[in-house]
C-alpha atoms as a PDB file:
ATOM      1  CA  MET A   1     -21.487   3.630  -6.829  1.00  0.00           C
ATOM      2  CA  ALA A   2     -17.876   4.507  -6.691  1.00  0.00           C
ATOM      3  CA  ALA A   3     -15.329   1.702  -6.707  1.00  0.00           C
ATOM      4  CA  GLU A   4     -14.435   2.409  -3.098  1.00  0.00           C
ATOM      5  CA  GLN A   5     -18.003   1.170  -2.139  1.00  0.00           C
ATOM      6  CA  VAL A   6     -17.483  -2.280  -3.331  1.00  0.00           C
ATOM      7  CA  PRO A   7     -18.782  -4.318  -0.502  1.00  0.00           C
ATOM      8  CA  GLY A   8     -16.182  -6.618   1.398  1.00  0.00           C
ATOM      9  CA  TYR A   9     -13.188  -4.652  -0.009  1.00  0.00           C
ATOM     10  CA  ARG A  10     -11.111  -1.764   0.797  1.00  0.00           C
ATOM     11  CA  ILE A  11      -9.530   0.256  -2.250  1.00  0.00           C
ATOM     12  CA  VAL A  12      -5.842   0.960  -1.840  1.00  0.00           C
ATOM     13  CA  HIS A  13      -5.340   2.695  -5.269  1.00  0.00           C
ATOM     14  CA  MET A  14      -5.998   2.228  -8.985  1.00  0.00           C
ATOM     15  CA  ILE A  15      -3.446   0.075 -10.771  1.00  0.00           C
ATOM     16  CA  GLY A  16      -4.902   0.113 -14.304  1.00  0.00           C
ATOM     17  CA  GLN A  17      -7.530   1.345 -16.532  1.00  0.00           C
ATOM     18  CA  GLY A  18      -8.974   0.295 -19.974  1.00  0.00           C
ATOM     19  CA  GLY A  19     -11.844   1.160 -22.262  1.00  0.00           C
ATOM     20  CA  GLN A  20     -14.304  -1.204 -20.344  1.00  0.00           C
ATOM     21  CA  ALA A  21     -12.985  -1.505 -16.960  1.00  0.00           C
ATOM     22  CA  GLN A  22     -10.754  -0.242 -14.095  1.00  0.00           C
ATOM     23  CA  VAL A  23      -8.491  -2.218 -12.063  1.00  0.00           C
ATOM     24  CA  TYR A  24      -7.701  -1.514  -8.264  1.00  0.00           C
ATOM     25  CA  LEU A  25      -5.438  -2.849  -5.813  1.00  0.00           C
ATOM     26  CA  ALA A  26      -7.748  -3.795  -2.839  1.00  0.00           C
ATOM     27  CA  GLU A  27      -7.679  -5.450   0.481  1.00  0.00           C
ATOM     28  CA  ARG A  28     -10.342  -8.086   1.226  1.00  0.00           C
ATOM     29  CA  GLU A  29     -11.972  -7.030   4.544  1.00  0.00           C
ATOM     30  CA  ALA A  30     -12.484 -10.507   5.816  1.00  0.00           C
ATOM     31  CA  ASP A  31      -8.897 -11.422   6.107  1.00  0.00           C
ATOM     32  CA  GLY A  32      -6.751  -8.781   4.464  1.00  0.00           C
ATOM     33  CA  LEU A  33      -5.844 -10.428   1.341  1.00  0.00           C
ATOM     34  CA  ARG A  34      -4.489  -8.054  -1.413  1.00  0.00           C
ATOM     35  CA  VAL A  35      -6.370  -8.658  -4.616  1.00  0.00           C
ATOM     36  CA  ALA A  36      -6.766  -7.041  -7.914  1.00  0.00           C
ATOM     37  CA  LEU A  37     -10.249  -5.768  -8.110  1.00  0.00           C
ATOM     38  CA  LYS A  38     -11.582  -5.418 -11.801  1.00  0.00           C
ATOM     39  CA  VAL A  39     -14.506  -3.217 -11.988  1.00  0.00           C
ATOM     40  CA  LEU A  40     -16.759  -2.795 -15.045  1.00  0.00           C
ATOM     41  CA  ASP A  41     -17.243   0.745 -15.994  1.00  0.00           C
ATOM     42  CA  SER A  42     -20.650   1.777 -14.626  1.00  0.00           C
ATOM     43  CA  LYS A  43     -21.565   3.323 -17.809  1.00  0.00           C
ATOM     44  CA  LEU A  44     -21.421  -0.379 -19.404  1.00  0.00           C
ATOM     45  CA  ARG A  45     -23.346  -2.015 -16.375  1.00  0.00           C
ATOM     46  CA  HIS A  46     -26.554  -2.028 -18.678  1.00  0.00           C
ATOM     47  CA  ASP A  47     -24.979  -2.667 -21.977  1.00  0.00           C
ATOM     48  CA  ARG A  48     -25.901  -6.356 -22.409  1.00  0.00           C
ATOM     49  CA  VAL A  49     -22.814  -7.247 -24.576  1.00  0.00           C
ATOM     50  CA  PHE A  50     -20.143  -5.857 -22.296  1.00  0.00           C
ATOM     51  CA  PHE A  51     -21.930  -6.946 -19.058  1.00  0.00           C
ATOM     52  CA  GLU A  52     -22.328 -10.539 -20.427  1.00  0.00           C
ATOM     53  CA  ARG A  53     -18.834 -10.548 -21.421  1.00  0.00           C
ATOM     54  CA  PHE A  54     -17.625  -9.343 -18.162  1.00  0.00           C
ATOM     55  CA  LEU A  55     -19.664 -11.953 -16.475  1.00  0.00           C
ATOM     56  CA  ARG A  56     -18.369 -14.723 -18.943  1.00  0.00           C
ATOM     57  CA  GLU A  57     -14.684 -13.908 -17.830  1.00  0.00           C
ATOM     58  CA  TYR A  58     -15.240 -15.214 -14.356  1.00  0.00           C
ATOM     59  CA  LYS A  59     -16.730 -18.427 -15.708  1.00  0.00           C
ATOM     60  CA  LEU A  60     -13.762 -18.840 -18.022  1.00  0.00           C
ATOM     61  CA  LEU A  61     -11.103 -18.062 -15.345  1.00  0.00           C
ATOM     62  CA  THR A  62     -12.715 -20.332 -13.059  1.00  0.00           C
ATOM     63  CA  ALA A  63     -12.614 -23.151 -15.395  1.00  0.00           C
ATOM     64  CA  LEU A  64      -8.787 -22.582 -15.900  1.00  0.00           C
ATOM     65  CA  GLU A  65      -6.998 -23.715 -12.782  1.00  0.00           C
ATOM     66  CA  ASN A  66      -3.617 -23.749 -14.164  1.00  0.00           C
ATOM     67  CA  GLU A  67      -0.251 -22.161 -12.508  1.00  0.00           C
ATOM     68  CA  PHE A  68       0.052 -19.811 -15.592  1.00  0.00           C
ATOM     69  CA  VAL A  69      -3.205 -18.398 -15.411  1.00  0.00           C
ATOM     70  CA  VAL A  70      -4.415 -15.717 -13.068  1.00  0.00           C
ATOM     71  CA  ARG A  71      -6.092 -16.985  -9.849  1.00  0.00           C
ATOM     72  CA  ILE A  72      -9.875 -15.878  -9.539  1.00  0.00           C
ATOM     73  CA  TYR A  73     -11.514 -15.473  -6.058  1.00  0.00           C
ATOM     74  CA  GLU A  74     -15.052 -13.897  -6.272  1.00  0.00           C
ATOM     75  CA  GLN A  75     -17.506 -12.192  -8.671  1.00  0.00           C
ATOM     76  CA  GLY A  76     -20.151  -9.928  -7.776  1.00  0.00           C
ATOM     77  CA  VAL A  77     -22.744  -7.312  -8.924  1.00  0.00           C
ATOM     78  CA  THR A  78     -23.727  -4.352  -6.544  1.00  0.00           C
ATOM     79  CA  GLY A  79     -25.765  -1.388  -7.888  1.00  0.00           C
ATOM     80  CA  ASP A  80     -24.274  -0.041 -11.140  1.00  0.00           C
ATOM     81  CA  ARG A  81     -21.024  -2.114 -10.438  1.00  0.00           C
ATOM     82  CA  ALA A  82     -19.731  -5.392 -11.555  1.00  0.00           C
ATOM     83  CA  TYR A  83     -16.533  -6.854 -10.339  1.00  0.00           C
ATOM     84  CA  ILE A  84     -14.127  -9.546 -10.251  1.00  0.00           C
ATOM     85  CA  ALA A  85     -11.543 -10.047  -7.428  1.00  0.00           C
ATOM     86  CA  MET A  86      -8.637 -11.977  -8.654  1.00  0.00           C
ATOM     87  CA  GLU A  87      -5.024 -12.609  -7.739  1.00  0.00           C
ATOM     88  CA  PHE A  88      -2.700  -9.505  -7.446  1.00  0.00           C
ATOM     89  CA  LEU A  89       0.418  -9.783  -9.356  1.00  0.00           C
ATOM     90  CA  PRO A  90       3.070  -7.348  -7.949  1.00  0.00           C
ATOM     91  CA  SER A  91       5.955  -7.909 -10.280  1.00  0.00           C
ATOM     92  CA  GLY A  92       5.176  -5.920 -13.490  1.00  0.00           C
ATOM     93  CA  THR A  93       4.474  -6.730 -17.047  1.00  0.00           C
ATOM     94  CA  LEU A  94       6.168  -8.704 -19.845  1.00  0.00           C
ATOM     95  CA  ALA A  95       5.965  -5.193 -21.772  1.00  0.00           C
ATOM     96  CA  SER A  96       8.262  -3.817 -18.964  1.00  0.00           C
ATOM     97  CA  ARG A  97      10.615  -6.632 -19.112  1.00  0.00           C
ATOM     98  CA  ILE A  98      10.806  -6.172 -22.882  1.00  0.00           C
ATOM     99  CA  ARG A  99      11.566  -2.421 -22.443  1.00  0.00           C
ATOM    100  CA  GLU A 100      14.379  -3.454 -20.077  1.00  0.00           C
ATOM    101  CA  GLY A 101      15.904  -6.050 -22.413  1.00  0.00           C
ATOM    102  CA  LEU A 102      15.726  -9.756 -22.718  1.00  0.00           C
ATOM    103  CA  ASP A 103      18.557 -11.868 -23.832  1.00  0.00           C
ATOM    104  CA  SER A 104      17.630 -14.817 -26.083  1.00  0.00           C
ATOM    105  CA  HIS A 105      17.745 -17.523 -23.351  1.00  0.00           C
ATOM    106  CA  ALA A 106      15.366 -15.484 -21.177  1.00  0.00           C
ATOM    107  CA  ALA A 107      13.107 -14.972 -23.950  1.00  0.00           C
ATOM    108  CA  LEU A 108      12.885 -18.418 -25.128  1.00  0.00           C
ATOM    109  CA  ARG A 109      12.354 -19.663 -21.460  1.00  0.00           C
ATOM    110  CA  LEU A 110       9.371 -17.286 -21.015  1.00  0.00           C
ATOM    111  CA  ALA A 111       7.866 -18.107 -24.590  1.00  0.00           C
ATOM    112  CA  ALA A 112       7.986 -21.846 -23.446  1.00  0.00           C
ATOM    113  CA  GLN A 113       6.252 -21.013 -20.222  1.00  0.00           C
ATOM    114  CA  ILE A 114       3.631 -18.889 -22.136  1.00  0.00           C
ATOM    115  CA  ALA A 115       3.126 -21.935 -24.562  1.00  0.00           C
ATOM    116  CA  ARG A 116       2.479 -24.039 -21.800  1.00  0.00           C
ATOM    117  CA  ALA A 117      -0.133 -21.807 -20.347  1.00  0.00           C
ATOM    118  CA  LEU A 118      -1.769 -21.384 -23.736  1.00  0.00           C
ATOM    119  CA  ASP A 119      -1.877 -25.335 -23.788  1.00  0.00           C
ATOM    120  CA  ALA A 120      -3.869 -25.425 -20.673  1.00  0.00           C
ATOM    121  CA  ILE A 121      -6.308 -22.722 -21.874  1.00  0.00           C
ATOM    122  CA  HIS A 122      -6.782 -24.200 -25.337  1.00  0.00           C
ATOM    123  CA  SER A 123      -7.496 -27.607 -23.929  1.00  0.00           C
ATOM    124  CA  GLN A 124     -10.324 -26.210 -22.454  1.00  0.00           C
ATOM    125  CA  GLY A 125     -11.727 -25.035 -25.624  1.00  0.00           C
ATOM    126  CA  ILE A 126     -10.737 -21.325 -24.897  1.00  0.00           C
ATOM    127  CA  VAL A 127      -9.029 -18.803 -27.195  1.00  0.00           C
ATOM    128  CA  HIS A 128      -7.807 -15.754 -25.543  1.00  0.00           C
ATOM    129  CA  ARG A 129      -7.971 -13.452 -28.598  1.00  0.00           C
ATOM    130  CA  ASP A 130      -5.966 -10.383 -26.849  1.00  0.00           C
ATOM    131  CA  LEU A 131      -2.611 -11.895 -26.031  1.00  0.00           C
ATOM    132  CA  LYS A 132      -0.239  -9.373 -25.670  1.00  0.00           C
ATOM    133  CA  PRO A 133       2.798  -8.280 -23.399  1.00  0.00           C
ATOM    134  CA  THR A 134       0.630  -6.196 -21.019  1.00  0.00           C
ATOM    135  CA  ASN A 135      -1.672  -9.227 -20.343  1.00  0.00           C
ATOM    136  CA  ILE A 136       1.307 -11.238 -19.331  1.00  0.00           C
ATOM    137  CA  LEU A 137       2.163 -10.438 -15.711  1.00  0.00           C
ATOM    138  CA  PHE A 138       4.731 -12.089 -12.916  1.00  0.00           C
ATOM    139  CA  ARG A 139       4.132 -13.396  -9.671  1.00  0.00           C
ATOM    140  CA  ALA A 140       6.760 -12.427  -7.066  1.00  0.00           C
ATOM    141  CA  ASN A 141       8.804 -15.669  -7.963  1.00  0.00           C
ATOM    142  CA  GLY A 142       9.204 -14.591 -11.552  1.00  0.00           C
ATOM    143  CA  GLN A 143       6.506 -17.126 -13.062  1.00  0.00           C
ATOM    144  CA  PRO A 144       4.682 -15.401 -15.894  1.00  0.00           C
ATOM    145  CA  VAL A 145       0.841 -15.458 -15.488  1.00  0.00           C
ATOM    146  CA  ILE A 146      -1.740 -14.566 -18.193  1.00  0.00           C
ATOM    147  CA  VAL A 147      -4.534 -12.278 -17.522  1.00  0.00           C
ATOM    148  CA  ASP A 148      -7.435 -10.352 -18.970  1.00  0.00           C
ATOM    149  CA  PHE A 149      -9.780 -12.931 -20.559  1.00  0.00           C
ATOM    150  CA  GLY A 150     -12.413 -10.378 -21.357  1.00  0.00           C
ATOM    151  CA  LEU A 151     -12.160 -10.941 -25.078  1.00  0.00           C
ATOM    152  CA  ALA A 152     -11.875 -14.738 -24.659  1.00  0.00           C
ATOM    153  CA  ARG A 153     -13.976 -17.001 -26.591  1.00  0.00           C
ATOM    154  CA  ASP A 154     -15.215 -20.435 -25.470  1.00  0.00           C
ATOM    155  CA  LEU A 155     -15.393 -22.294 -28.965  1.00  0.00           C
ATOM    156  CA  ALA A 156     -18.214 -24.371 -27.535  1.00  0.00           C
ATOM    157  CA  ALA A 157     -20.390 -21.241 -26.842  1.00  0.00           C
ATOM    158  CA  SER A 158     -23.290 -20.418 -29.158  1.00  0.00           C
ATOM    159  CA  SER A 159     -22.359 -16.674 -28.795  1.00  0.00           C
ATOM    160  CA  ASN A 160     -19.285 -14.734 -29.219  1.00  0.00           C
ATOM    161  CA  LEU A 161     -20.710 -11.343 -27.787  1.00  0.00           C
ATOM    162  CA  THR A 162     -18.987  -9.221 -30.457  1.00  0.00           C
ATOM    163  CA  VAL A 163     -19.564  -5.463 -30.863  1.00  0.00           C
ATOM    164  CA  GLN A 164     -20.564  -4.383 -34.456  1.00  0.00           C
ATOM    165  CA  GLY A 165     -18.106  -2.255 -35.985  1.00  0.00           C
ATOM    166  CA  GLN A 166     -15.647  -2.230 -33.269  1.00  0.00           C
ATOM    167  CA  LEU A 167     -12.110  -3.531 -33.164  1.00  0.00           C
ATOM    168  CA  LEU A 168     -11.774  -4.344 -29.568  1.00  0.00           C
ATOM    169  CA  ALA A 169      -8.492  -6.388 -29.448  1.00  0.00           C
ATOM    170  CA  THR A 170      -4.940  -4.883 -29.925  1.00  0.00           C
ATOM    171  CA  PRO A 171      -3.958  -4.798 -33.690  1.00  0.00           C
ATOM    172  CA  ARG A 172      -0.380  -5.019 -33.080  1.00  0.00           C
ATOM    173  CA  TYR A 173      -0.682  -8.662 -31.925  1.00  0.00           C
ATOM    174  CA  MET A 174      -3.872  -9.719 -33.960  1.00  0.00           C
ATOM    175  CA  SER A 175      -3.693 -12.481 -36.505  1.00  0.00           C
ATOM    176  CA  PRO A 176      -4.698 -12.091 -40.030  1.00  0.00           C
ATOM    177  CA  GLU A 177      -7.887 -14.222 -39.882  1.00  0.00           C
ATOM    178  CA  HIS A 178      -8.859 -12.000 -36.899  1.00  0.00           C
ATOM    179  CA  PHE A 179      -8.625  -8.895 -39.008  1.00  0.00           C
ATOM    180  CA  LEU A 180     -10.337 -10.512 -42.041  1.00  0.00           C
ATOM    181  CA  GLY A 181     -13.263 -11.617 -39.851  1.00  0.00           C
ATOM    182  CA  GLN A 182     -12.580 -15.264 -40.597  1.00  0.00           C
ATOM    183  CA  ARG A 183     -13.017 -18.214 -38.078  1.00  0.00           C
ATOM    184  CA  ILE A 184     -10.557 -17.717 -35.171  1.00  0.00           C
ATOM    185  CA  ASP A 185      -9.227 -20.764 -33.198  1.00  0.00           C
ATOM    186  CA  ALA A 186      -6.323 -21.457 -31.007  1.00  0.00           C
ATOM    187  CA  ARG A 187      -3.810 -20.704 -33.764  1.00  0.00           C
ATOM    188  CA  SER A 188      -5.017 -17.303 -33.723  1.00  0.00           C
ATOM    189  CA  ASP A 189      -3.140 -17.047 -30.153  1.00  0.00           C
ATOM    190  CA  LEU A 190      -0.222 -18.669 -31.815  1.00  0.00           C
ATOM    191  CA  TYR A 191       0.214 -15.842 -34.426  1.00  0.00           C
ATOM    192  CA  SER A 192       0.085 -13.287 -31.300  1.00  0.00           C
ATOM    193  CA  MET A 193       2.564 -15.411 -29.399  1.00  0.00           C
ATOM    194  CA  GLY A 194       4.944 -14.988 -32.496  1.00  0.00           C
ATOM    195  CA  ALA A 195       4.536 -11.141 -32.408  1.00  0.00           C
ATOM    196  CA  ILE A 196       5.391 -11.418 -28.681  1.00  0.00           C
ATOM    197  CA  LEU A 197       8.496 -13.642 -29.220  1.00  0.00           C
ATOM    198  CA  TYR A 198       9.708 -11.313 -32.024  1.00  0.00           C
ATOM    199  CA  GLU A 199       9.392  -8.375 -29.690  1.00  0.00           C
ATOM    200  CA  MET A 200      11.131 -10.150 -26.738  1.00  0.00           C
ATOM    201  CA  LEU A 201      14.145 -11.355 -29.068  1.00  0.00           C
ATOM    202  CA  ALA A 202      14.477  -8.324 -31.253  1.00  0.00           C
ATOM    203  CA  GLY A 203      13.622  -5.507 -28.559  1.00  0.00           C
ATOM    204  CA  GLN A 204      11.266  -3.820 -30.902  1.00  0.00           C
ATOM    205  CA  ARG A 205       7.689  -4.143 -32.033  1.00  0.00           C
ATOM    206  CA  ILE A 206       6.818  -6.380 -35.003  1.00  0.00           C
ATOM    207  CA  TYR A 207       5.361  -3.808 -37.341  1.00  0.00           C
ATOM    208  CA  GLU A 208       5.378  -0.023 -37.146  1.00  0.00           C
ATOM    209  CA  ALA A 209       2.714   1.837 -39.033  1.00  0.00           C
ATOM    210  CA  GLU A 210       1.128   5.391 -39.090  1.00  0.00           C
ATOM    211  CA  THR A 211      -2.529   4.179 -39.065  1.00  0.00           C
ATOM    212  CA  PRO A 212      -4.453   1.135 -38.155  1.00  0.00           C
ATOM    213  CA  ALA A 213      -5.186   0.437 -41.841  1.00  0.00           C
ATOM    214  CA  SER A 214      -1.460   0.196 -42.516  1.00  0.00           C
ATOM    215  CA  MET A 215      -1.033  -2.066 -39.424  1.00  0.00           C
ATOM    216  CA  ILE A 216      -3.822  -4.312 -40.554  1.00  0.00           C
ATOM    217  CA  ASP A 217      -2.294  -4.467 -44.222  1.00  0.00           C
ATOM    218  CA  MET A 218       1.149  -5.332 -42.579  1.00  0.00           C
ATOM    219  CA  HIS A 219      -0.252  -8.198 -40.662  1.00  0.00           C
ATOM    220  CA  VAL A 220      -2.443  -9.614 -43.518  1.00  0.00           C
ATOM    221  CA  ASN A 221       0.067  -8.976 -46.472  1.00  0.00           C
ATOM    222  CA  GLY A 222       3.290  -7.937 -45.282  1.00  0.00           C
ATOM    223  CA  PRO A 223       6.493 -10.330 -44.815  1.00  0.00           C
ATOM    224  CA  VAL A 224       7.267 -11.839 -41.513  1.00  0.00           C
ATOM    225  CA  PRO A 225      10.179  -9.661 -40.136  1.00  0.00           C
ATOM    226  CA  ARG A 226      13.616 -10.845 -39.895  1.00  0.00           C
ATOM    227  CA  LEU A 227      15.689 -11.269 -36.768  1.00  0.00           C
ATOM    228  CA  PRO A 228      19.151  -9.812 -36.677  1.00  0.00           C
ATOM    229  CA  GLU A 229      21.976 -11.968 -37.775  1.00  0.00           C
ATOM    230  CA  HIS A 230      22.999 -13.226 -34.365  1.00  0.00           C
ATOM    231  CA  LEU A 231      19.502 -14.482 -33.685  1.00  0.00           C
ATOM    232  CA  ALA A 232      18.805 -16.003 -37.030  1.00  0.00           C
ATOM    233  CA  GLY A 233      18.586 -19.536 -35.645  1.00  0.00           C
ATOM    234  CA  TYR A 234      15.234 -18.575 -34.158  1.00  0.00           C
ATOM    235  CA  GLN A 235      13.931 -17.396 -37.346  1.00  0.00           C
ATOM    236  CA  PRO A 236      12.146 -20.967 -38.323  1.00  0.00           C
ATOM    237  CA  ILE A 237      10.039 -20.638 -35.038  1.00  0.00           C
ATOM    238  CA  LEU A 238       8.971 -17.087 -36.015  1.00  0.00           C
ATOM    239  CA  ASP A 239       8.223 -17.914 -39.588  1.00  0.00           C
ATOM    240  CA  ARG A 240       5.804 -20.785 -38.306  1.00  0.00           C
ATOM    241  CA  LEU A 241       4.158 -18.646 -35.737  1.00  0.00           C
ATOM    242  CA  LEU A 242       3.782 -15.796 -37.934  1.00  0.00           C
ATOM    243  CA  ALA A 243       2.541 -17.514 -41.025  1.00  0.00           C
ATOM    244  CA  LYS A 244      -0.470 -15.742 -42.792  1.00  0.00           C
ATOM    245  CA  LYS A 245      -2.358 -18.909 -42.978  1.00  0.00           C
ATOM    246  CA  PRO A 246      -3.260 -20.853 -39.986  1.00  0.00           C
ATOM    247  CA  ASP A 247      -2.508 -24.318 -41.413  1.00  0.00           C
ATOM    248  CA  ASP A 248       0.940 -23.117 -42.052  1.00  0.00           C
ATOM    249  CA  ARG A 249       1.537 -22.405 -38.360  1.00  0.00           C
ATOM    250  CA  PHE A 250       2.167 -24.696 -35.329  1.00  0.00           C
ATOM    251  CA  GLN A 251      -1.088 -26.355 -34.956  1.00  0.00           C
ATOM    252  CA  SER A 252      -1.142 -26.426 -31.105  1.00  0.00           C
ATOM    253  CA  ALA A 253       0.681 -24.612 -28.197  1.00  0.00           C
ATOM    254  CA  ARG A 254       2.084 -28.068 -27.090  1.00  0.00           C
ATOM    255  CA  GLU A 255       3.788 -28.481 -30.531  1.00  0.00           C
ATOM    256  CA  LEU A 256       5.280 -25.072 -30.016  1.00  0.00           C
ATOM    257  CA  PHE A 257       6.371 -25.830 -26.539  1.00  0.00           C
ATOM    258  CA  THR A 258       7.935 -29.047 -27.576  1.00  0.00           C
ATOM    259  CA  SER A 259       9.971 -26.862 -30.289  1.00  0.00           C
ATOM    260  CA  ILE A 260      11.183 -24.267 -27.857  1.00  0.00           C
ATOM    261  CA  ALA A 261      11.248 -26.077 -24.520  1.00  0.00           C
ATOM    262  CA  ILE A 262      14.758 -25.325 -22.939  1.00  0.00           C
END
């Protein structure tokens, strides 16, 4: 079944595509509301792990009623298509804003807002596990919003729905313990936040590597990158966020927010 045939929605155009799903701008036929319609790839509809992870994303999002988390409207399954209708966020991604350039004040303000969002997520026992600039979008009023909980894990759940031998998250923002297959908790998201904050402040990515293996080695063994001299006052925050051992990081998003609130 084509995405254009999702009952109750009229597809406007595709706005994003990943390895497991496509996202469309759509209009809800009942009232004309514009939504982001995330549709699981039909080839994965009968893959238990991917299908159950897709269904779980809806459940996790419905539990997260927070101003900094994408709003969720509906989930459905029709034929070979599973879909989630959620808030359409029209004002681009953090990745785009980083490319355009952020001053240090704007970067710290955004980091504080994202930390508040992580605090809300973590307080529900959920770890995002794929926090990155393309998963932080903006409402028309400029408010950042965290999206894409497809890899999120409820720490109270008995199954983490992993795929053997596959690296599903984005290596540039993954924590050392994630690479090493160790226990992941909220502090892993804080490491990802550190990689994002470095990128916002420095205007360049945390590590550059020619191969995924080299990228992994940098995260696991490489030194924390240094900020330019005029931004050195923010280095202590980065050093804690990007510590190799979780015990050496900020221990909660609330602690991070308190440290950078402006």
